[in-house]
N, C-alpha and C. Protein backbone atom coordinates (compact mmCIF):
# COMPACT_ATOMS: atom_id res chain seq x y z
N PHE A 1 130.53 16.64 -44.40
CA PHE A 1 130.00 16.25 -43.37
C PHE A 1 130.47 16.73 -42.06
N ASP A 2 131.61 16.90 -42.04
CA ASP A 2 132.41 17.65 -40.65
C ASP A 2 131.87 18.89 -40.54
N LEU A 3 131.49 19.66 -41.45
CA LEU A 3 131.08 20.88 -41.57
C LEU A 3 129.46 21.06 -41.05
N LEU A 4 128.90 19.85 -41.08
CA LEU A 4 127.55 19.55 -40.95
C LEU A 4 127.37 19.31 -39.40
N VAL A 5 128.32 18.50 -39.01
CA VAL A 5 128.52 18.23 -37.67
C VAL A 5 128.92 19.44 -36.87
N LEU A 6 129.50 20.13 -37.30
CA LEU A 6 130.15 21.57 -36.58
C LEU A 6 129.02 22.55 -36.37
N ARG A 7 128.17 22.66 -37.52
CA ARG A 7 126.89 23.22 -37.59
C ARG A 7 126.02 23.17 -36.53
N CYS A 8 126.07 21.60 -36.45
CA CYS A 8 124.89 20.93 -35.50
C CYS A 8 125.78 21.36 -34.28
N ASP A 9 126.78 21.05 -33.78
CA ASP A 9 127.63 21.68 -32.65
C ASP A 9 127.37 22.85 -32.27
N LEU A 10 127.47 23.92 -33.22
CA LEU A 10 127.29 25.29 -32.97
C LEU A 10 125.84 25.39 -32.67
N LEU A 11 124.62 24.99 -33.24
CA LEU A 11 123.46 25.01 -32.78
C LEU A 11 123.21 24.52 -31.58
N VAL A 12 123.63 23.52 -31.27
CA VAL A 12 123.71 23.06 -29.70
C VAL A 12 124.15 23.90 -28.62
N LEU A 13 125.37 24.55 -28.85
CA LEU A 13 126.19 25.35 -28.31
C LEU A 13 124.96 26.94 -28.11
N ARG A 14 124.56 27.37 -29.04
CA ARG A 14 123.38 28.25 -29.13
C ARG A 14 122.37 27.84 -28.28
N THR A 15 121.75 26.80 -28.63
CA THR A 15 120.53 26.33 -27.74
C THR A 15 121.13 26.39 -26.20
N ASP A 16 122.54 25.81 -25.65
CA ASP A 16 122.74 25.68 -24.33
C ASP A 16 123.17 27.28 -23.75
N LEU A 17 123.65 28.31 -24.54
CA LEU A 17 123.70 29.67 -24.07
C LEU A 17 122.20 29.86 -23.88
N LEU A 18 121.44 29.89 -24.83
CA LEU A 18 119.91 30.25 -24.68
C LEU A 18 119.20 30.05 -23.02
N VAL A 19 119.78 28.55 -23.04
CA VAL A 19 118.91 27.82 -21.97
C VAL A 19 119.93 28.44 -20.47
N LEU A 20 121.23 28.85 -20.39
CA LEU A 20 121.72 29.41 -19.89
C LEU A 20 121.37 30.79 -19.48
N ARG A 21 121.15 31.57 -20.69
CA ARG A 21 120.39 32.82 -20.50
C ARG A 21 118.70 32.89 -19.66
N PHE A 22 118.36 31.93 -20.08
CA PHE A 22 116.90 31.68 -19.59
C PHE A 22 117.12 31.28 -18.22
N ASP A 23 117.94 30.19 -17.68
CA ASP A 23 118.31 30.21 -16.46
C ASP A 23 118.74 31.03 -15.59
N LEU A 24 119.58 32.57 -15.99
CA LEU A 24 120.22 33.37 -15.87
C LEU A 24 118.80 34.29 -15.24
N LEU A 25 117.81 34.36 -16.22
CA LEU A 25 116.59 35.17 -16.09
C LEU A 25 115.89 34.48 -14.70
N VAL A 26 115.47 33.28 -14.66
CA VAL A 26 114.84 32.26 -13.84
C VAL A 26 115.89 32.91 -12.41
N LEU A 27 116.85 32.66 -12.37
CA LEU A 27 117.56 32.97 -11.31
C LEU A 27 117.41 34.73 -10.59
N ARG A 28 117.38 35.43 -11.72
CA ARG A 28 117.40 36.89 -11.23
C ARG A 28 115.38 36.86 -10.72
N THR A 29 114.61 36.31 -11.59
CA THR A 29 113.40 36.37 -10.97
C THR A 29 113.14 35.68 -9.65
N ASP A 30 114.01 34.55 -9.27
CA ASP A 30 113.98 34.13 -8.10
C ASP A 30 114.47 35.20 -7.01
N SER A 31 115.59 35.80 -7.33
CA SER A 31 116.21 36.81 -6.61
C SER A 31 115.04 37.66 -6.21
N LEU A 32 114.40 38.24 -7.07
CA LEU A 32 113.43 39.23 -6.81
C LEU A 32 112.28 38.93 -5.97
N VAL A 33 112.14 37.71 -6.14
CA VAL A 33 110.89 36.92 -5.38
C VAL A 33 111.37 36.69 -4.00
N LEU A 34 112.54 36.44 -3.72
CA LEU A 34 113.09 36.28 -2.40
C LEU A 34 112.99 37.40 -1.26
N ARG A 35 113.52 38.45 -2.24
CA ARG A 35 113.47 39.76 -2.12
C ARG A 35 112.06 40.10 -1.32
N PHE A 36 111.06 39.95 -2.46
CA PHE A 36 110.07 40.30 -2.23
C PHE A 36 109.24 39.50 -0.74
N ASP A 37 109.92 38.37 -0.78
CA ASP A 37 109.34 37.50 0.39
C ASP A 37 110.15 37.97 1.54
N LEU A 38 111.12 38.44 1.60
CA LEU A 38 111.83 39.00 2.67
C LEU A 38 111.17 40.46 3.09
N LEU A 39 110.39 41.20 2.23
CA LEU A 39 109.73 42.08 2.46
C LEU A 39 108.53 41.58 3.14
N VAL A 40 107.98 40.61 2.78
CA VAL A 40 106.40 40.32 3.38
C VAL A 40 106.90 39.56 4.67
N LEU A 41 108.20 39.03 4.90
CA LEU A 41 108.35 38.56 6.27
C LEU A 41 108.67 39.59 7.27
N ARG A 42 109.24 40.91 6.95
CA ARG A 42 109.44 41.84 7.67
C ARG A 42 108.09 42.58 8.17
N CYS A 43 107.30 42.70 6.92
CA CYS A 43 105.89 43.16 7.51
C CYS A 43 105.10 42.08 8.43
N ASP A 44 105.31 40.62 8.21
CA ASP A 44 104.41 40.02 9.16
C ASP A 44 105.31 40.11 10.47
N LEU A 45 106.69 40.23 10.71
CA LEU A 45 107.56 40.29 11.94
C LEU A 45 106.86 42.00 12.53
N LEU A 46 106.54 42.62 11.76
CA LEU A 46 105.74 43.60 12.64
C LEU A 46 104.23 43.59 12.82
N VAL A 47 103.57 42.57 12.02
CA VAL A 47 102.36 42.34 12.56
C VAL A 47 102.66 41.70 13.77
N LEU A 48 103.59 40.38 13.83
CA LEU A 48 103.20 39.78 14.96
C LEU A 48 103.81 40.35 16.01
N ARG A 49 104.69 41.32 16.09
CA ARG A 49 104.83 42.12 17.30
C ARG A 49 103.67 42.92 17.90
N THR A 50 103.03 43.33 16.81
CA THR A 50 101.60 44.03 17.37
C THR A 50 100.68 43.16 18.05
N ASP A 51 101.16 41.97 17.46
CA ASP A 51 100.03 40.77 18.02
C ASP A 51 100.43 40.35 19.20
N LEU A 52 101.88 40.39 19.52
CA LEU A 52 102.23 39.93 20.68
C LEU A 52 102.18 40.99 21.96
N LEU A 53 101.88 42.43 21.60
CA LEU A 53 101.38 43.40 22.33
C LEU A 53 99.99 43.25 22.83
N VAL A 54 99.21 42.67 21.64
CA VAL A 54 97.80 42.47 21.85
C VAL A 54 97.74 41.27 23.04
N LEU A 55 98.44 40.22 22.61
CA LEU A 55 98.44 38.88 23.22
C LEU A 55 98.90 39.15 24.68
N ARG A 56 99.70 40.38 25.06
CA ARG A 56 100.22 40.60 26.35
C ARG A 56 98.97 41.26 27.42
N PHE A 57 98.43 41.85 26.69
CA PHE A 57 96.90 42.39 27.03
C PHE A 57 95.96 41.62 27.42
N ASP A 58 95.95 40.57 26.27
CA ASP A 58 95.04 39.25 26.57
C ASP A 58 95.22 38.54 27.75
N LEU A 59 96.80 38.36 28.09
CA LEU A 59 97.30 37.66 28.79
C LEU A 59 96.50 38.17 30.46
N LEU A 60 96.79 39.63 30.24
CA LEU A 60 96.30 40.13 31.61
C LEU A 60 94.80 39.70 31.90
N VAL A 61 94.02 39.74 30.94
CA VAL A 61 92.44 39.53 30.95
C VAL A 61 92.31 38.11 31.52
N LEU A 62 92.94 37.27 30.71
CA LEU A 62 93.09 35.77 31.06
C LEU A 62 93.30 35.18 32.37
N ARG A 63 94.31 36.41 33.02
CA ARG A 63 94.59 35.95 34.52
C ARG A 63 93.64 36.41 35.25
N CYS A 64 92.73 37.32 35.18
CA CYS A 64 91.79 37.46 35.95
C CYS A 64 90.75 36.47 35.71
N ASP A 65 90.41 36.02 34.33
CA ASP A 65 89.41 34.97 34.19
C ASP A 65 89.72 33.80 35.20
N LEU A 66 91.16 33.57 34.91
CA LEU A 66 91.86 32.40 35.70
C LEU A 66 91.39 32.26 37.27
N LEU A 67 91.46 33.32 37.61
CA LEU A 67 91.12 33.41 39.16
C LEU A 67 89.60 33.02 39.21
N VAL A 68 88.81 33.45 38.39
CA VAL A 68 87.51 33.07 38.74
C VAL A 68 87.32 32.03 38.30
N LEU A 69 87.89 31.28 37.20
CA LEU A 69 87.73 29.68 36.78
C LEU A 69 88.21 29.12 37.98
N ARG A 70 89.39 29.60 38.70
CA ARG A 70 89.92 28.51 39.86
C ARG A 70 88.74 28.07 41.15
N THR A 71 87.96 29.38 41.32
CA THR A 71 86.76 29.09 42.28
C THR A 71 86.09 28.26 41.59
N ASP A 72 85.69 28.11 40.13
CA ASP A 72 84.57 27.38 39.33
C ASP A 72 85.15 25.68 39.56
N LEU A 73 86.45 25.75 39.51
CA LEU A 73 87.30 24.44 39.30
C LEU A 73 87.30 23.79 40.56
N VAL A 74 87.20 24.19 41.72
CA VAL A 74 86.95 23.79 43.02
C VAL A 74 85.48 23.05 43.20
N VAL A 75 84.81 23.93 42.84
CA VAL A 75 83.37 23.07 42.57
C VAL A 75 83.23 22.19 41.65
N LEU A 76 83.83 22.15 40.47
CA LEU A 76 83.76 21.35 39.66
C LEU A 76 84.47 20.22 40.02
N LYS A 77 85.74 20.12 40.98
CA LYS A 77 86.35 19.13 41.16
C LYS A 77 85.42 18.00 42.30
N THR A 78 84.63 18.61 43.04
CA THR A 78 83.85 17.96 43.87
C THR A 78 82.91 17.18 42.96
N ASP A 79 82.32 17.87 41.90
CA ASP A 79 81.52 17.22 41.23
C ASP A 79 81.78 15.85 40.39
N LEU A 80 83.19 16.23 39.94
CA LEU A 80 83.95 15.28 39.02
C LEU A 80 84.15 13.86 40.23
N LEU A 81 84.71 13.94 41.36
CA LEU A 81 84.68 13.11 42.33
C LEU A 81 83.57 12.25 42.31
N ALA A 82 82.68 12.97 42.26
CA ALA A 82 80.87 12.03 42.33
C ALA A 82 80.99 11.33 41.37
N LEU A 83 81.14 11.97 40.12
CA LEU A 83 81.05 11.19 38.79
C LEU A 83 82.43 10.02 38.54
N ARG A 84 83.44 10.51 39.13
CA ARG A 84 84.13 9.00 39.13
C ARG A 84 83.89 8.10 40.02
N SER A 85 83.42 8.30 41.04
CA SER A 85 82.99 7.09 41.88
C SER A 85 81.89 6.51 41.01
N ASP A 86 80.92 7.15 40.53
CA ASP A 86 79.72 6.56 39.65
C ASP A 86 80.54 6.04 38.34
N SER A 87 81.65 6.24 38.04
CA SER A 87 82.06 5.89 36.56
C SER A 87 82.70 4.39 37.35
N LEU A 88 83.29 4.44 38.21
CA LEU A 88 83.97 3.20 38.48
C LEU A 88 83.09 1.83 38.84
N VAL A 89 81.57 2.44 39.25
CA VAL A 89 80.75 1.44 39.82
C VAL A 89 80.25 0.89 38.45
N LEU A 90 80.02 1.88 37.36
CA LEU A 90 79.62 1.61 36.44
C LEU A 90 80.81 0.62 35.39
N ARG A 91 82.14 0.89 35.55
CA ARG A 91 82.98 0.12 34.89
C ARG A 91 83.19 -1.51 35.56
N PHE A 92 82.91 -1.38 36.89
CA PHE A 92 82.68 -2.82 37.75
C PHE A 92 81.70 -3.50 36.88
N ASP A 93 80.50 -2.71 36.72
CA ASP A 93 79.40 -3.59 36.32
C ASP A 93 79.36 -3.81 34.85
N LEU A 94 80.29 -3.22 33.98
CA LEU A 94 80.68 -3.50 32.75
C LEU A 94 81.74 -4.74 32.96
N LEU A 95 82.51 -4.76 33.42
CA LEU A 95 83.47 -5.91 33.60
C LEU A 95 82.80 -7.18 33.99
N VAL A 96 81.85 -6.98 34.68
CA VAL A 96 81.01 -8.35 35.49
C VAL A 96 80.42 -8.65 34.21
N LEU A 97 79.47 -7.81 33.33
CA LEU A 97 79.15 -8.19 32.27
C LEU A 97 79.93 -8.89 31.08
N ARG A 98 81.07 -8.43 30.77
CA ARG A 98 82.03 -8.69 29.89
C ARG A 98 82.38 -9.95 30.30
N SER A 99 82.63 -10.28 31.74
CA SER A 99 82.84 -11.69 32.16
C SER A 99 81.98 -13.00 31.79
N ASP A 100 80.63 -12.14 32.03
CA ASP A 100 79.57 -13.19 31.68
C ASP A 100 79.32 -13.28 30.42
N LEU A 101 79.39 -12.46 29.66
CA LEU A 101 79.60 -12.81 28.24
C LEU A 101 80.64 -13.51 27.74
N LEU A 102 81.81 -13.56 28.42
CA LEU A 102 82.84 -14.41 27.84
C LEU A 102 82.63 -15.94 28.40
N VAL A 103 82.03 -15.81 29.59
CA VAL A 103 81.41 -17.26 30.11
C VAL A 103 80.15 -17.81 29.13
N LEU A 104 79.47 -16.96 28.79
CA LEU A 104 78.54 -17.70 27.70
C LEU A 104 79.16 -18.28 26.29
N ARG A 105 80.14 -16.96 25.89
CA ARG A 105 81.18 -17.38 24.73
C ARG A 105 81.19 -18.82 24.96
N PHE A 106 81.99 -19.12 26.18
CA PHE A 106 82.88 -20.26 26.37
C PHE A 106 81.81 -21.34 26.20
N ASP A 107 80.62 -21.05 26.97
CA ASP A 107 79.80 -22.13 27.05
C ASP A 107 79.06 -22.70 25.53
N LEU A 108 78.96 -21.66 24.72
CA LEU A 108 78.61 -21.71 23.72
C LEU A 108 79.65 -22.67 22.68
N LEU A 109 80.87 -22.49 22.95
CA LEU A 109 81.81 -23.07 22.16
C LEU A 109 81.92 -24.29 22.67
N VAL A 110 81.62 -24.81 24.11
CA VAL A 110 81.67 -25.78 24.53
C VAL A 110 80.57 -26.77 23.72
N LEU A 111 79.28 -26.12 23.49
CA LEU A 111 78.49 -26.47 23.10
C LEU A 111 78.49 -26.95 21.81
N ARG A 112 79.28 -26.29 20.94
CA ARG A 112 79.74 -26.49 19.73
C ARG A 112 80.41 -27.82 19.51
N THR A 113 81.59 -27.49 20.26
CA THR A 113 82.42 -28.79 20.30
C THR A 113 81.64 -30.22 20.55
N ASP A 114 80.75 -29.83 21.43
CA ASP A 114 79.97 -31.23 21.85
C ASP A 114 79.06 -31.58 20.47
N SER A 115 78.59 -30.69 19.99
CA SER A 115 77.87 -30.91 18.83
C SER A 115 78.47 -31.58 17.65
N LEU A 116 79.94 -30.93 17.73
CA LEU A 116 81.13 -31.86 16.50
C LEU A 116 80.94 -33.20 16.90
N VAL A 117 81.49 -33.49 18.30
CA VAL A 117 81.76 -34.74 18.95
C VAL A 117 80.57 -35.59 18.53
N LEU A 118 79.41 -35.09 19.03
CA LEU A 118 78.20 -36.11 18.43
C LEU A 118 77.95 -36.22 17.07
N ARG A 119 78.51 -35.40 16.14
CA ARG A 119 77.99 -35.59 14.62
C ARG A 119 79.34 -36.56 14.44
N PHE A 120 80.46 -36.62 15.28
CA PHE A 120 81.66 -37.30 14.58
C PHE A 120 80.99 -38.64 15.03
N ASP A 121 80.72 -38.91 16.40
CA ASP A 121 80.15 -40.11 16.87
C ASP A 121 79.16 -40.59 15.91
N LEU A 122 78.16 -39.96 15.58
CA LEU A 122 77.11 -40.55 14.45
C LEU A 122 77.61 -41.04 13.60
N LEU A 123 78.75 -40.07 12.64
CA LEU A 123 79.29 -40.84 11.63
C LEU A 123 79.87 -42.16 11.89
N VAL A 124 80.81 -42.30 12.81
CA VAL A 124 81.55 -43.57 13.01
C VAL A 124 80.01 -44.36 13.21
N LEU A 125 79.34 -44.24 14.12
CA LEU A 125 77.97 -45.37 14.25
C LEU A 125 77.40 -45.53 12.75
N ARG A 126 77.40 -44.71 11.97
CA ARG A 126 76.95 -45.17 10.56
C ARG A 126 77.86 -45.92 9.72
N PHE A 127 79.12 -45.61 10.22
CA PHE A 127 80.17 -46.28 9.69
C PHE A 127 79.97 -47.93 9.85
N ASP A 128 80.26 -47.66 11.20
CA ASP A 128 79.92 -49.37 11.62
C ASP A 128 78.83 -50.09 11.53
N LEU A 129 77.80 -49.38 11.29
CA LEU A 129 76.68 -50.00 10.61
C LEU A 129 76.87 -50.71 9.07
N LEU A 130 77.38 -49.70 8.38
CA LEU A 130 77.83 -50.18 7.03
C LEU A 130 78.53 -51.37 7.03
N VAL A 131 79.62 -51.11 8.01
CA VAL A 131 80.45 -52.32 8.08
C VAL A 131 79.77 -53.78 8.49
N LEU A 132 78.71 -53.34 9.40
CA LEU A 132 77.98 -54.70 9.77
C LEU A 132 77.15 -55.15 8.61
N ARG A 133 76.29 -54.26 7.72
CA ARG A 133 75.57 -54.80 6.89
C ARG A 133 76.50 -55.27 5.97
N CYS A 134 77.88 -55.07 5.48
CA CYS A 134 78.83 -55.75 4.46
C CYS A 134 78.87 -57.09 5.18
N ASP A 135 79.24 -57.17 6.51
CA ASP A 135 79.72 -58.54 7.13
C ASP A 135 78.34 -59.56 6.72
N LEU A 136 76.94 -58.85 7.09
CA LEU A 136 76.00 -59.48 7.13
C LEU A 136 75.89 -60.21 5.67
N LEU A 137 76.24 -59.18 4.75
CA LEU A 137 76.24 -59.64 3.08
C LEU A 137 76.96 -60.65 2.67
N VAL A 138 78.36 -60.57 3.82
CA VAL A 138 79.66 -61.84 3.33
C VAL A 138 78.84 -63.07 4.08
N LEU A 139 78.19 -62.88 5.15
CA LEU A 139 77.74 -64.19 5.88
C LEU A 139 76.61 -64.39 4.85
N ARG A 140 76.01 -64.15 4.28
CA ARG A 140 74.70 -64.42 3.43
C ARG A 140 75.32 -65.06 2.19
N THR A 141 76.51 -64.56 1.93
CA THR A 141 77.07 -65.11 0.34
C THR A 141 77.77 -66.28 0.74
N ASP A 142 78.20 -66.43 2.08
CA ASP A 142 78.67 -67.54 2.43
C ASP A 142 77.78 -69.00 2.90
N LEU A 143 76.82 -68.31 3.12
CA LEU A 143 75.56 -69.23 3.59
C LEU A 143 75.19 -69.99 2.00
N LEU A 144 74.91 -68.98 1.28
CA LEU A 144 74.53 -69.47 -0.23
C LEU A 144 75.61 -70.31 -0.55
N VAL A 145 76.85 -70.07 -0.43
CA VAL A 145 77.84 -70.96 -1.16
C VAL A 145 77.92 -72.20 -0.32
N LEU A 146 77.48 -72.38 0.91
CA LEU A 146 77.40 -73.59 1.71
C LEU A 146 76.47 -74.43 1.29
N ARG A 147 75.57 -73.70 0.96
CA ARG A 147 74.17 -74.48 0.47
C ARG A 147 74.29 -75.12 -0.74
N PHE A 148 75.00 -74.19 -1.64
CA PHE A 148 74.91 -74.58 -2.84
C PHE A 148 76.24 -75.95 -2.81
N ASP A 149 77.24 -75.73 -1.91
CA ASP A 149 78.05 -76.99 -1.64
C ASP A 149 77.29 -78.04 -1.31
N LEU A 150 76.33 -77.91 -0.38
CA LEU A 150 75.55 -79.13 0.20
C LEU A 150 74.47 -79.77 -0.99
N LEU A 151 73.97 -78.73 -1.83
CA LEU A 151 73.50 -79.38 -3.16
C LEU A 151 74.47 -80.12 -3.96
N VAL A 152 75.60 -79.80 -4.05
CA VAL A 152 76.55 -80.53 -4.77
C VAL A 152 77.11 -82.34 -4.33
N LEU A 153 76.97 -81.74 -2.95
CA LEU A 153 77.30 -83.17 -2.19
C LEU A 153 76.07 -83.91 -2.51
N ARG A 154 74.78 -83.55 -2.22
CA ARG A 154 73.49 -84.45 -2.42
C ARG A 154 73.60 -84.78 -3.75
N PHE A 155 73.98 -84.00 -4.55
CA PHE A 155 74.08 -84.51 -5.98
C PHE A 155 75.04 -85.54 -6.13
N ASP A 156 76.16 -85.22 -5.52
CA ASP A 156 77.41 -86.41 -5.73
C ASP A 156 76.84 -87.76 -5.11
N LEU A 157 76.44 -87.56 -4.13
CA LEU A 157 75.47 -88.90 -3.22
C LEU A 157 74.69 -89.32 -4.17
N LEU A 158 73.64 -88.54 -4.71
CA LEU A 158 72.73 -89.35 -5.61
C LEU A 158 73.44 -90.01 -6.66
N VAL A 159 74.45 -89.41 -7.37
CA VAL A 159 75.34 -90.08 -8.44
C VAL A 159 76.12 -91.30 -7.82
N LEU A 160 76.28 -91.18 -6.50
CA LEU A 160 77.07 -92.56 -6.19
C LEU A 160 75.92 -93.50 -6.00
N ARG A 161 74.99 -92.96 -5.67
CA ARG A 161 74.05 -94.30 -5.34
C ARG A 161 73.42 -94.94 -6.56
N PHE A 162 73.59 -94.19 -7.37
CA PHE A 162 73.09 -94.41 -8.99
C PHE A 162 74.32 -95.65 -9.56
N ASP A 163 75.63 -94.90 -9.13
CA ASP A 163 76.55 -95.57 -9.70
C ASP A 163 76.41 -97.22 -8.87
N LEU A 164 76.26 -97.33 -7.87
CA LEU A 164 76.11 -98.07 -6.92
C LEU A 164 74.92 -98.98 -7.46
N LEU A 165 73.93 -98.85 -7.80
CA LEU A 165 73.04 -99.54 -8.31
C LEU A 165 73.00 -99.95 -9.66
């Protein structure tokens, strides 16, 4: 059994060695990839330097265009001031409309609450009517009991009269 365990350990060690060799190969390929990436970055740096020269030339052209645009900007600023004043007027009108809308919403809320209060009052009145009907029924039953008592009394009187006779 120990020999089997040793053989298994040896197999595990061999697989670990193979894994380590594979990791070494991966590291070597990573190193090669990094070297290639470094070469690519150097080429990119050269390209960026040429792009920088082109951009400097473009910057000179843009400065000339900027002078032209500044004159256009002065004209646009006057137009913008006119538009801003119109925009302020429109914003004020929008604020007025929003305030009117808020007032209308508040009025609608008040109307809804009034409607709810009226409904509640109607429910209270209906409940009061039911209570009154119940009271009326109680009074009627009391009246019927009184009539019955009166009948009993009359009957007792008749019995007394009969007894007296």
